[in-house]
Amino acid sequence: MAGLNKVMLIGHLGADPEIRRTHSGADVVSFRIATSETWKDKNTGERKEKTEWHSIVVFNEHLTKVCAELLKKGSKVYIEGQLQTRKWQDNAGTDRYTTEIVLQNFRGEIQLLDRLPSNRPPGAESPDVYGTQRTRDSSQQQRGFGSGASSASREFDDEIPF
């Protein structure tokens, strides 16, 4: 029987991403994000909040570059990946388990939900997380990475006057 392993989160980074290299020379980026929910306690009327921390590991070559360049402590991000549990041993030799959200090569998605600071003049194009060109004056966004859209398809995106 087939199954589905997909996680979608929106949260804030607790610290700047950590960049490491594998033995084969590939970059791996890891960071933690916090997701919070708030509610009003029925008995006291007091506002309550619960925060969960999630470990994210990015193996996707394009997304590791994006993470290294754009993500900072406090950044608000959308993450889409898969749950993966790995076994490791601590210094005392005790087996430990860690569950992480993993973005493998050719899978997963990261979208920066904060506005990017820009030194460009008004109307200039700037890349979003997918490498897509986004015009400041345009309300329409196109994804260039992961959605099948290409730069050639942007050339024919004419505005229809009705």
Protein backbone atom coordinates (compact mmCIF):
# COMPACT_ATOMS: atom_id res chain seq x y z
CA MET A 1 0.00 0.00 0.00
CA ALA A 2 1.38 3.41 -0.99
CA GLY A 3 1.60 6.21 1.53
CA LEU A 4 2.10 9.95 1.64
CA ASN A 5 4.86 11.65 3.60
CA LYS A 6 4.44 15.41 3.20
CA VAL A 7 4.84 18.24 5.69
CA MET A 8 3.88 21.88 5.12
CA LEU A 9 4.83 24.52 7.69
CA ILE A 10 4.85 28.30 8.00
CA GLY A 11 7.09 29.62 10.72
CA HIS A 12 10.01 31.83 11.75
CA LEU A 13 13.68 30.87 11.86
CA GLY A 14 15.09 30.68 15.38
CA ALA A 15 18.67 31.33 14.21
CA ASP A 16 20.63 31.85 11.01
CA PRO A 17 20.89 28.69 8.87
CA GLU A 18 23.91 26.44 9.41
CA ILE A 19 25.75 25.39 6.25
CA ARG A 20 27.85 22.22 6.16
CA ARG A 21 29.45 20.09 3.44
CA THR A 22 29.08 16.36 2.96
CA HIS A 23 32.10 14.13 2.23
CA SER A 24 31.17 14.33 -1.46
CA GLY A 25 31.32 18.15 -1.34
CA ALA A 26 27.58 18.88 -1.52
CA ASP A 27 26.18 21.67 0.68
CA VAL A 28 23.62 20.82 3.36
CA VAL A 29 21.70 23.56 5.16
CA SER A 30 19.96 23.05 8.48
CA PHE A 31 17.88 25.38 10.61
CA ARG A 32 14.97 25.35 13.03
CA ILE A 33 11.66 27.10 12.63
CA ALA A 34 9.01 27.88 15.21
CA THR A 35 5.31 27.49 14.57
CA SER A 36 2.89 28.96 17.11
CA GLU A 37 -0.78 28.74 17.81
CA THR A 38 -2.75 31.01 20.10
CA TRP A 39 -6.13 30.59 21.75
CA LYS A 40 -8.26 32.08 24.48
CA ASP A 41 -8.63 29.95 27.61
CA LYS A 42 -12.35 29.28 28.17
CA ASN A 43 -12.07 29.26 31.97
CA THR A 44 -9.87 32.32 32.57
CA GLY A 45 -10.32 34.28 29.33
CA GLU A 46 -6.53 34.52 29.21
CA ARG A 47 -4.69 34.44 25.88
CA LYS A 48 -2.48 31.32 25.61
CA GLU A 49 0.24 30.41 23.14
CA LYS A 50 1.99 27.17 22.27
CA THR A 51 5.16 27.07 20.17
CA GLU A 52 6.58 24.00 18.44
CA TRP A 53 10.14 23.84 17.06
CA HIS A 54 10.88 21.95 13.84
CA SER A 55 14.29 20.93 12.50
CA ILE A 56 14.70 21.46 8.76
CA VAL A 57 17.47 19.90 6.63
CA VAL A 58 17.92 20.95 2.99
CA PHE A 59 19.84 18.79 0.52
CA ASN A 60 18.36 20.34 -2.65
CA GLU A 61 21.29 22.08 -4.40
CA HIS A 62 19.32 25.11 -5.58
CA LEU A 63 17.52 25.59 -2.27
CA THR A 64 20.74 25.37 -0.22
CA LYS A 65 22.05 28.40 -2.14
CA VAL A 66 18.81 30.29 -1.58
CA CYS A 67 18.84 29.46 2.14
CA ALA A 68 22.44 30.59 2.53
CA GLU A 69 21.79 33.90 0.78
CA LEU A 70 18.30 34.90 1.92
CA LEU A 71 17.34 33.24 5.19
CA LYS A 72 18.21 34.94 8.46
CA LYS A 73 17.11 34.62 12.07
CA GLY A 74 13.48 35.74 12.29
CA SER A 75 12.70 35.17 8.59
CA LYS A 76 9.16 33.96 7.95
CA VAL A 77 9.15 30.96 5.60
CA TYR A 78 6.89 28.35 4.04
CA ILE A 79 8.49 24.90 4.06
CA GLU A 80 7.32 21.78 2.25
CA GLY A 81 9.21 18.55 2.76
CA GLN A 82 9.13 15.02 4.16
CA LEU A 83 9.45 13.68 7.70
CA GLN A 84 12.54 11.59 8.22
CA THR A 85 13.83 10.00 11.44
CA ARG A 86 17.50 9.22 11.83
CA LYS A 87 19.34 7.28 14.51
CA TRP A 88 22.58 8.51 16.07
CA GLN A 89 24.66 7.94 19.20
CA ASP A 90 25.48 10.53 21.84
CA ASN A 91 28.86 10.81 23.59
CA ALA A 92 27.85 8.15 26.10
CA GLY A 93 27.06 5.68 23.29
CA THR A 94 23.30 5.85 23.86
CA ASP A 95 21.11 5.54 20.77
CA ARG A 96 19.15 8.71 20.04
CA TYR A 97 16.53 9.48 17.41
CA THR A 98 15.84 12.77 15.67
CA THR A 99 12.88 13.52 13.42
CA GLU A 100 13.44 16.25 10.84
CA ILE A 101 11.68 17.80 7.87
CA VAL A 102 13.95 16.98 4.93
CA LEU A 103 14.02 18.64 1.51
CA GLN A 104 15.74 16.16 -0.79
CA ASN A 105 17.13 16.83 -4.27
CA PHE A 106 14.28 17.56 -6.69
CA ARG A 107 11.75 17.55 -3.84
CA GLY A 108 10.60 20.10 -1.35
CA GLU A 109 9.89 23.77 -1.43
CA ILE A 110 10.93 26.89 0.46
CA GLN A 111 9.24 30.21 0.04
CA LEU A 112 10.37 33.38 1.78
CA LEU A 113 7.28 35.14 3.09
CA ASP A 114 9.04 38.32 4.21
CA ARG A 115 9.77 41.14 1.81
CA LEU A 116 13.31 41.13 0.51
CA PRO A 117 15.31 44.30 1.09
CA SER A 118 16.23 45.79 -2.25
CA ASN A 119 18.57 48.52 -3.41
CA ARG A 120 17.10 48.33 -6.89
CA PRO A 121 15.23 51.25 -8.46
CA PRO A 122 11.40 51.06 -8.51
CA GLY A 123 10.12 48.59 -11.09
CA ALA A 124 13.38 46.62 -11.19
CA GLU A 125 13.11 42.85 -11.13
CA SER A 126 14.40 40.77 -8.26
CA PRO A 127 14.47 36.99 -7.83
CA ASP A 128 12.22 35.33 -5.29
CA VAL A 129 13.09 32.08 -3.54
CA TYR A 130 12.51 30.00 -6.67
CA GLY A 131 14.77 32.11 -8.85
CA THR A 132 11.66 33.63 -10.41
CA GLN A 133 11.76 37.19 -11.59
CA ARG A 134 9.23 39.32 -9.75
CA THR A 135 8.51 42.94 -10.65
CA ARG A 136 7.68 45.22 -7.75
CA ASP A 137 4.80 46.83 -9.62
CA SER A 138 3.36 43.48 -10.70
CA SER A 139 0.85 41.71 -8.50
CA GLN A 140 1.31 38.49 -10.47
CA GLN A 141 4.09 36.10 -9.47
CA GLN A 142 5.40 33.20 -11.51
CA ARG A 143 7.53 30.40 -10.13
CA GLY A 144 10.50 29.47 -12.22
CA PHE A 145 11.69 26.56 -10.05
CA GLY A 146 9.63 23.55 -9.20
CA SER A 147 6.47 24.47 -11.10
CA GLY A 148 7.48 23.84 -14.69
CA ALA A 149 7.30 27.51 -15.67
CA SER A 150 10.22 28.70 -17.78
CA SER A 151 11.62 32.07 -18.74
CA ALA A 152 10.28 31.49 -22.26
CA SER A 153 6.73 31.28 -20.90
CA ARG A 154 7.16 34.72 -19.29
CA GLU A 155 7.76 36.29 -22.71
CA PHE A 156 4.24 35.38 -23.81
CA ASP A 157 2.49 36.51 -20.63
CA ASP A 158 0.65 39.42 -22.20
CA GLU A 159 -1.97 41.41 -20.37
CA ILE A 160 -5.40 41.04 -21.94
CA PRO A 161 -7.36 44.34 -21.83
CA PHE A 162 -10.76 42.93 -20.82
